[in-house]
């Protein structure tokens, strides 16, 4: 005897049985290809940029070209051909093991889908700056916003979009500020608040904004949601991963970062004898 929930699921599956439905587009054989209401060959090819179509597919909206140009610039900023970076290291390992460039690049993209770096922290970054602006509009001061966020981490300034491991400052912000200025973007209310937060953190903790903070605030001012940015940036690290794949592929096989057992730093329990097995 099926319960109501099971019955509803089976009914839903039966409604979709043998059918593929799409609200986004499709190929009308002999007629054309549709993409979010556009005829791809007639309306898009040669008339809009690749990044405009990428954003269209991720959000359902056609953005103005300067927004797409800004995204193209940030893609360059956030994908470096340095094999020390974890997602790029995965690509290099693919190259040294002679996998295909597609397999290595996709594996590197998956490694970038991390809570610590890559695409996913952008969701937290946008959530923070958007909720922070909402709190400020309710009357909370910037200093109070910083204090409340720090209190969640034991008084430490662990705010997504601020501070940076290893390096001090962020050269990518300088580059993207120039891009935004050249494209004619003003400083919006989210970005202004982001700069105010940076000033408070600089005074109290000697910390500054990183590219996540800048990017999250800028894109919030352009009306993007956290999930939209996450989708647009799904393949953000691909270019650097591919470069590191090729670098390793062009060298002798299996020569990328080989290690001996003694190179490993073991931090577990000390060696111990295994007791003899008791006779039954």
Protein backbone atom coordinates (compact mmCIF):
# COMPACT_ATOMS: atom_id res chain seq x y z
CA UNK A 1 0.00 0.00 0.00
CA UNK A 2 1.62 3.27 -1.15
CA UNK A 3 1.32 6.34 1.03
CA UNK A 4 0.29 9.71 -0.44
CA UNK A 5 3.89 10.92 -0.77
CA UNK A 6 4.92 7.85 -2.78
CA UNK A 7 1.78 8.15 -4.94
CA UNK A 8 2.57 11.80 -5.71
CA UNK A 9 6.15 10.93 -6.69
CA UNK A 10 5.04 8.16 -9.05
CA UNK A 11 2.41 10.47 -10.56
CA UNK A 12 5.07 13.14 -11.13
CA UNK A 13 7.37 10.61 -12.78
CA UNK A 14 4.53 9.35 -15.01
CA UNK A 15 3.84 12.92 -16.14
CA UNK A 16 7.46 13.20 -17.30
CA UNK A 17 7.79 9.63 -18.58
CA UNK A 18 9.35 9.42 -22.03
CA UNK A 19 9.54 13.22 -22.38
CA UNK A 20 12.37 15.73 -22.18
CA UNK A 21 11.13 19.22 -21.39
CA UNK A 22 13.09 22.48 -21.43
CA UNK A 23 12.31 26.07 -20.52
CA UNK A 24 15.74 27.18 -21.74
CA UNK A 25 15.94 26.19 -25.38
CA UNK A 26 16.40 23.42 -27.89
CA UNK A 27 17.15 22.41 -31.43
CA UNK A 28 14.22 22.64 -33.84
CA UNK A 29 15.48 20.28 -36.50
CA UNK A 30 15.58 21.98 -39.88
CA UNK A 31 14.43 25.29 -38.39
CA UNK A 32 16.98 26.57 -35.89
CA UNK A 33 18.21 26.55 -32.32
CA UNK A 34 16.46 28.44 -29.54
CA UNK A 35 18.18 29.79 -26.41
CA UNK A 36 16.04 31.58 -23.83
CA UNK A 37 13.78 32.91 -26.57
CA UNK A 38 16.60 33.93 -28.92
CA UNK A 39 17.34 32.28 -32.25
CA UNK A 40 20.98 31.35 -31.62
CA UNK A 41 22.17 31.54 -35.23
CA UNK A 42 20.20 34.64 -36.15
CA UNK A 43 20.08 36.63 -32.92
CA UNK A 44 23.19 35.65 -30.94
CA UNK A 45 26.07 34.43 -33.12
CA UNK A 46 28.24 37.38 -34.09
CA UNK A 47 26.00 39.86 -32.29
CA UNK A 48 26.60 39.09 -28.61
CA UNK A 49 29.79 38.05 -26.82
CA UNK A 50 30.44 34.56 -25.47
CA UNK A 51 30.25 35.88 -21.90
CA UNK A 52 26.89 37.51 -22.57
CA UNK A 53 25.56 34.13 -23.71
CA UNK A 54 27.25 32.35 -20.79
CA UNK A 55 25.49 34.71 -18.37
CA UNK A 56 22.23 34.32 -20.31
CA UNK A 57 22.39 30.55 -19.87
CA UNK A 58 23.22 30.89 -16.15
CA UNK A 59 20.60 33.51 -15.29
CA UNK A 60 18.05 33.69 -18.11
CA UNK A 61 18.89 37.39 -18.62
CA UNK A 62 20.82 39.09 -21.40
CA UNK A 63 23.16 41.58 -19.72
CA UNK A 64 24.74 44.61 -21.32
CA UNK A 65 28.14 44.00 -22.87
CA UNK A 66 30.11 45.92 -20.26
CA UNK A 67 28.86 43.53 -17.55
CA UNK A 68 29.99 40.57 -19.66
CA UNK A 69 33.33 42.31 -20.29
CA UNK A 70 33.77 42.75 -16.53
CA UNK A 71 33.14 39.02 -16.04
CA UNK A 72 35.68 38.18 -18.74
CA UNK A 73 38.25 40.27 -16.87
CA UNK A 74 37.52 38.62 -13.52
CA UNK A 75 37.85 35.20 -15.16
CA UNK A 76 41.39 36.22 -16.15
CA UNK A 77 42.10 37.50 -12.63
CA UNK A 78 40.99 34.28 -10.95
CA UNK A 79 42.62 31.57 -13.06
CA UNK A 80 46.41 31.55 -12.81
CA UNK A 81 48.74 29.01 -14.51
CA UNK A 82 50.48 28.15 -11.23
CA UNK A 83 50.62 24.41 -10.45
CA UNK A 84 51.02 25.07 -6.72
CA UNK A 85 47.35 26.08 -6.57
CA UNK A 86 45.33 23.01 -5.63
CA UNK A 87 42.90 22.92 -8.58
CA UNK A 88 45.81 23.52 -10.98
CA UNK A 89 47.79 20.75 -9.28
CA UNK A 90 44.99 18.35 -10.15
CA UNK A 91 45.29 19.45 -13.77
CA UNK A 92 49.07 18.96 -13.67
CA UNK A 93 48.62 15.47 -12.23
CA UNK A 94 46.31 14.71 -15.15
CA UNK A 95 49.00 15.87 -17.54
CA UNK A 96 51.78 13.85 -15.94
CA UNK A 97 49.56 10.74 -15.98
CA UNK A 98 48.60 11.37 -19.62
CA UNK A 99 44.87 11.78 -19.10
CA UNK A 100 42.89 13.76 -21.68
CA UNK A 101 42.84 17.59 -21.40
CA UNK A 102 39.09 17.46 -20.85
CA UNK A 103 39.34 14.97 -17.97
CA UNK A 104 42.15 16.92 -16.30
CA UNK A 105 40.43 20.29 -16.70
CA UNK A 106 37.07 19.05 -15.43
CA UNK A 107 38.76 17.39 -12.44
CA UNK A 108 40.50 20.68 -11.68
CA UNK A 109 37.19 22.55 -11.89
CA UNK A 110 35.70 20.11 -9.39
CA UNK A 111 38.65 20.71 -7.07
CA UNK A 112 37.88 24.43 -7.30
CA UNK A 113 34.36 23.81 -6.01
CA UNK A 114 35.62 24.16 -2.45
CA UNK A 115 34.45 25.94 0.68
CA UNK A 116 37.97 27.30 1.21
CA UNK A 117 38.67 28.84 -2.21
CA UNK A 118 37.39 28.87 -5.78
CA UNK A 119 33.77 29.29 -6.80
CA UNK A 120 31.81 28.33 -3.68
CA UNK A 121 33.11 31.05 -1.30
CA UNK A 122 31.51 33.61 -3.63
CA UNK A 123 28.11 32.45 -2.37
CA UNK A 124 29.10 33.24 1.21
CA UNK A 125 30.71 36.51 0.12
CA UNK A 126 27.57 37.78 -1.61
CA UNK A 127 25.34 36.57 1.22
CA UNK A 128 27.48 38.49 3.72
CA UNK A 129 27.64 41.85 1.94
CA UNK A 130 23.95 41.76 1.00
CA UNK A 131 22.86 40.96 4.56
CA UNK A 132 25.34 43.55 5.90
CA UNK A 133 23.81 46.27 3.74
CA UNK A 134 20.33 45.25 4.90
CA UNK A 135 21.51 45.60 8.52
CA UNK A 136 23.03 49.00 7.82
CA UNK A 137 19.79 50.21 6.31
CA UNK A 138 18.10 49.20 9.58
CA UNK A 139 20.44 51.53 11.45
CA UNK A 140 23.44 49.37 12.38
CA UNK A 141 26.81 51.06 12.01
CA UNK A 142 29.61 49.57 9.93
CA UNK A 143 31.68 49.09 13.08
CA UNK A 144 28.79 47.23 14.72
CA UNK A 145 28.45 45.00 11.64
CA UNK A 146 32.14 44.11 11.85
CA UNK A 147 31.94 43.50 15.61
CA UNK A 148 28.90 41.22 15.22
CA UNK A 149 30.60 39.19 12.52
CA UNK A 150 33.83 38.89 14.50
CA UNK A 151 31.93 37.75 17.58
CA UNK A 152 30.73 34.74 15.57
CA UNK A 153 34.37 33.65 15.24
CA UNK A 154 35.64 34.23 18.76
CA UNK A 155 36.58 37.85 18.13
CA UNK A 156 38.67 37.05 15.04
CA UNK A 157 38.13 38.94 11.75
CA UNK A 158 37.20 35.82 9.79
CA UNK A 159 34.81 37.59 7.44
CA UNK A 160 34.38 36.12 3.96
CA UNK A 161 35.85 38.58 1.49
CA UNK A 162 38.46 39.98 3.86
CA UNK A 163 42.02 39.02 4.82
CA UNK A 164 44.17 36.71 2.73
CA UNK A 165 46.45 33.81 3.63
CA UNK A 166 50.17 34.16 2.81
CA UNK A 167 49.98 37.53 1.00
CA UNK A 168 49.04 41.01 2.25
CA UNK A 169 46.60 43.04 0.19
CA UNK A 170 45.23 41.90 -3.17
CA UNK A 171 46.65 43.06 -6.48
CA UNK A 172 43.58 41.73 -8.31
CA UNK A 173 41.37 44.40 -6.72
CA UNK A 174 43.54 47.15 -8.19
CA UNK A 175 43.26 45.56 -11.63
CA UNK A 176 39.48 45.15 -11.40
CA UNK A 177 38.93 48.65 -10.05
CA UNK A 178 40.61 49.93 -13.21
CA UNK A 179 38.46 47.65 -15.37
CA UNK A 180 35.27 48.86 -13.64
CA UNK A 181 36.35 52.50 -14.06
CA UNK A 182 37.21 52.03 -17.74
CA UNK A 183 33.81 50.41 -18.32
CA UNK A 184 32.04 53.31 -16.61
CA UNK A 185 30.72 51.55 -13.49
CA UNK A 186 30.12 53.81 -10.47
CA UNK A 187 30.78 52.66 -6.90
CA UNK A 188 27.46 51.25 -5.70
CA UNK A 189 26.07 50.96 -2.18
CA UNK A 190 27.33 47.41 -1.60
CA UNK A 191 30.84 48.29 -2.73
CA UNK A 192 30.85 51.48 -0.67
CA UNK A 193 29.95 49.44 2.40
CA UNK A 194 32.67 46.92 1.51
CA UNK A 195 35.22 49.74 1.53
CA UNK A 196 33.88 50.98 4.89
CA UNK A 197 34.24 47.47 6.36
CA UNK A 198 37.79 47.35 5.02
CA UNK A 199 38.63 50.63 6.77
CA UNK A 200 37.31 49.30 10.09
CA UNK A 201 39.25 46.04 9.72
CA UNK A 202 42.41 47.96 8.80
CA UNK A 203 42.13 50.08 11.95
CA UNK A 204 41.31 47.24 14.33
CA UNK A 205 43.04 44.18 12.83
CA UNK A 206 45.40 45.44 10.12
CA UNK A 207 43.45 43.39 7.56
CA UNK A 208 42.12 44.38 4.14
CA UNK A 209 39.60 43.30 1.54
CA UNK A 210 40.40 40.45 -0.86
CA UNK A 211 39.11 39.84 -4.39
CA UNK A 212 36.14 37.84 -3.07
CA UNK A 213 34.98 40.85 -1.05
CA UNK A 214 35.38 43.23 -3.97
CA UNK A 215 33.74 40.87 -6.45
CA UNK A 216 30.85 40.05 -4.12
CA UNK A 217 30.08 43.69 -3.47
CA UNK A 218 30.44 44.77 -7.11
CA UNK A 219 28.16 42.01 -8.39
CA UNK A 220 25.62 42.67 -5.65
CA UNK A 221 25.44 46.24 -6.99
CA UNK A 222 24.73 44.80 -10.45
CA UNK A 223 21.72 42.91 -9.05
CA UNK A 224 23.09 39.37 -9.11
CA UNK A 225 22.08 36.80 -6.50
CA UNK A 226 24.64 34.53 -4.80
CA UNK A 227 23.43 31.48 -6.73
CA UNK A 228 23.53 33.33 -10.05
CA UNK A 229 27.17 34.29 -9.49
CA UNK A 230 27.98 30.71 -8.46
CA UNK A 231 26.49 29.44 -11.73
CA UNK A 232 28.19 32.06 -13.89
CA UNK A 233 31.53 31.18 -12.30
CA UNK A 234 31.11 27.39 -12.56
CA UNK A 235 34.14 27.06 -14.88
CA UNK A 236 36.07 29.97 -13.38
CA UNK A 237 39.37 28.12 -12.83
CA UNK A 238 39.38 26.17 -16.10
CA UNK A 239 41.95 28.21 -18.01
CA UNK A 240 44.70 27.93 -15.39
CA UNK A 241 44.00 24.23 -14.92
CA UNK A 242 44.40 23.57 -18.64
CA UNK A 243 47.68 25.51 -18.72
CA UNK A 244 49.09 23.40 -15.89
CA UNK A 245 47.87 20.22 -17.59
CA UNK A 246 49.78 21.14 -20.75
CA UNK A 247 52.91 22.10 -18.82
CA UNK A 248 53.02 18.68 -17.15
CA UNK A 249 51.98 16.83 -20.32
CA UNK A 250 54.92 18.29 -22.26
CA UNK A 251 57.40 16.91 -19.70
CA UNK A 252 58.38 13.24 -19.20
CA UNK A 253 55.51 11.13 -17.79
CA UNK A 254 55.04 10.91 -14.03
CA UNK A 255 57.60 13.64 -13.25
CA UNK A 256 55.21 16.14 -11.66
CA UNK A 257 55.95 16.28 -7.93
CA UNK A 258 57.17 12.69 -7.38
CA UNK A 259 57.71 11.85 -3.71
CA UNK A 260 59.54 9.17 -1.72
CA UNK A 261 57.98 7.65 1.38
CA UNK A 262 60.49 9.56 3.55
CA UNK A 263 59.22 12.84 2.07
CA UNK A 264 55.93 12.35 3.88
CA UNK A 265 55.55 13.91 7.33
CA UNK A 266 53.66 11.35 9.38
CA UNK A 267 51.84 12.79 12.41
CA UNK A 268 49.85 9.79 13.59
CA UNK A 269 50.46 7.37 16.51
CA UNK A 270 54.07 6.16 16.92
CA UNK A 271 55.04 2.72 15.58
CA UNK A 272 53.83 -0.11 17.79
CA UNK A 273 53.97 -3.89 17.78
CA UNK A 274 50.98 -5.86 16.73
CA UNK A 275 50.13 -8.32 19.54
CA UNK A 276 50.12 -12.00 18.53
CA UNK A 277 46.76 -13.45 17.74
CA UNK A 278 45.32 -15.51 20.56
CA UNK A 279 44.73 -19.15 19.84
CA UNK A 280 41.10 -20.17 20.05
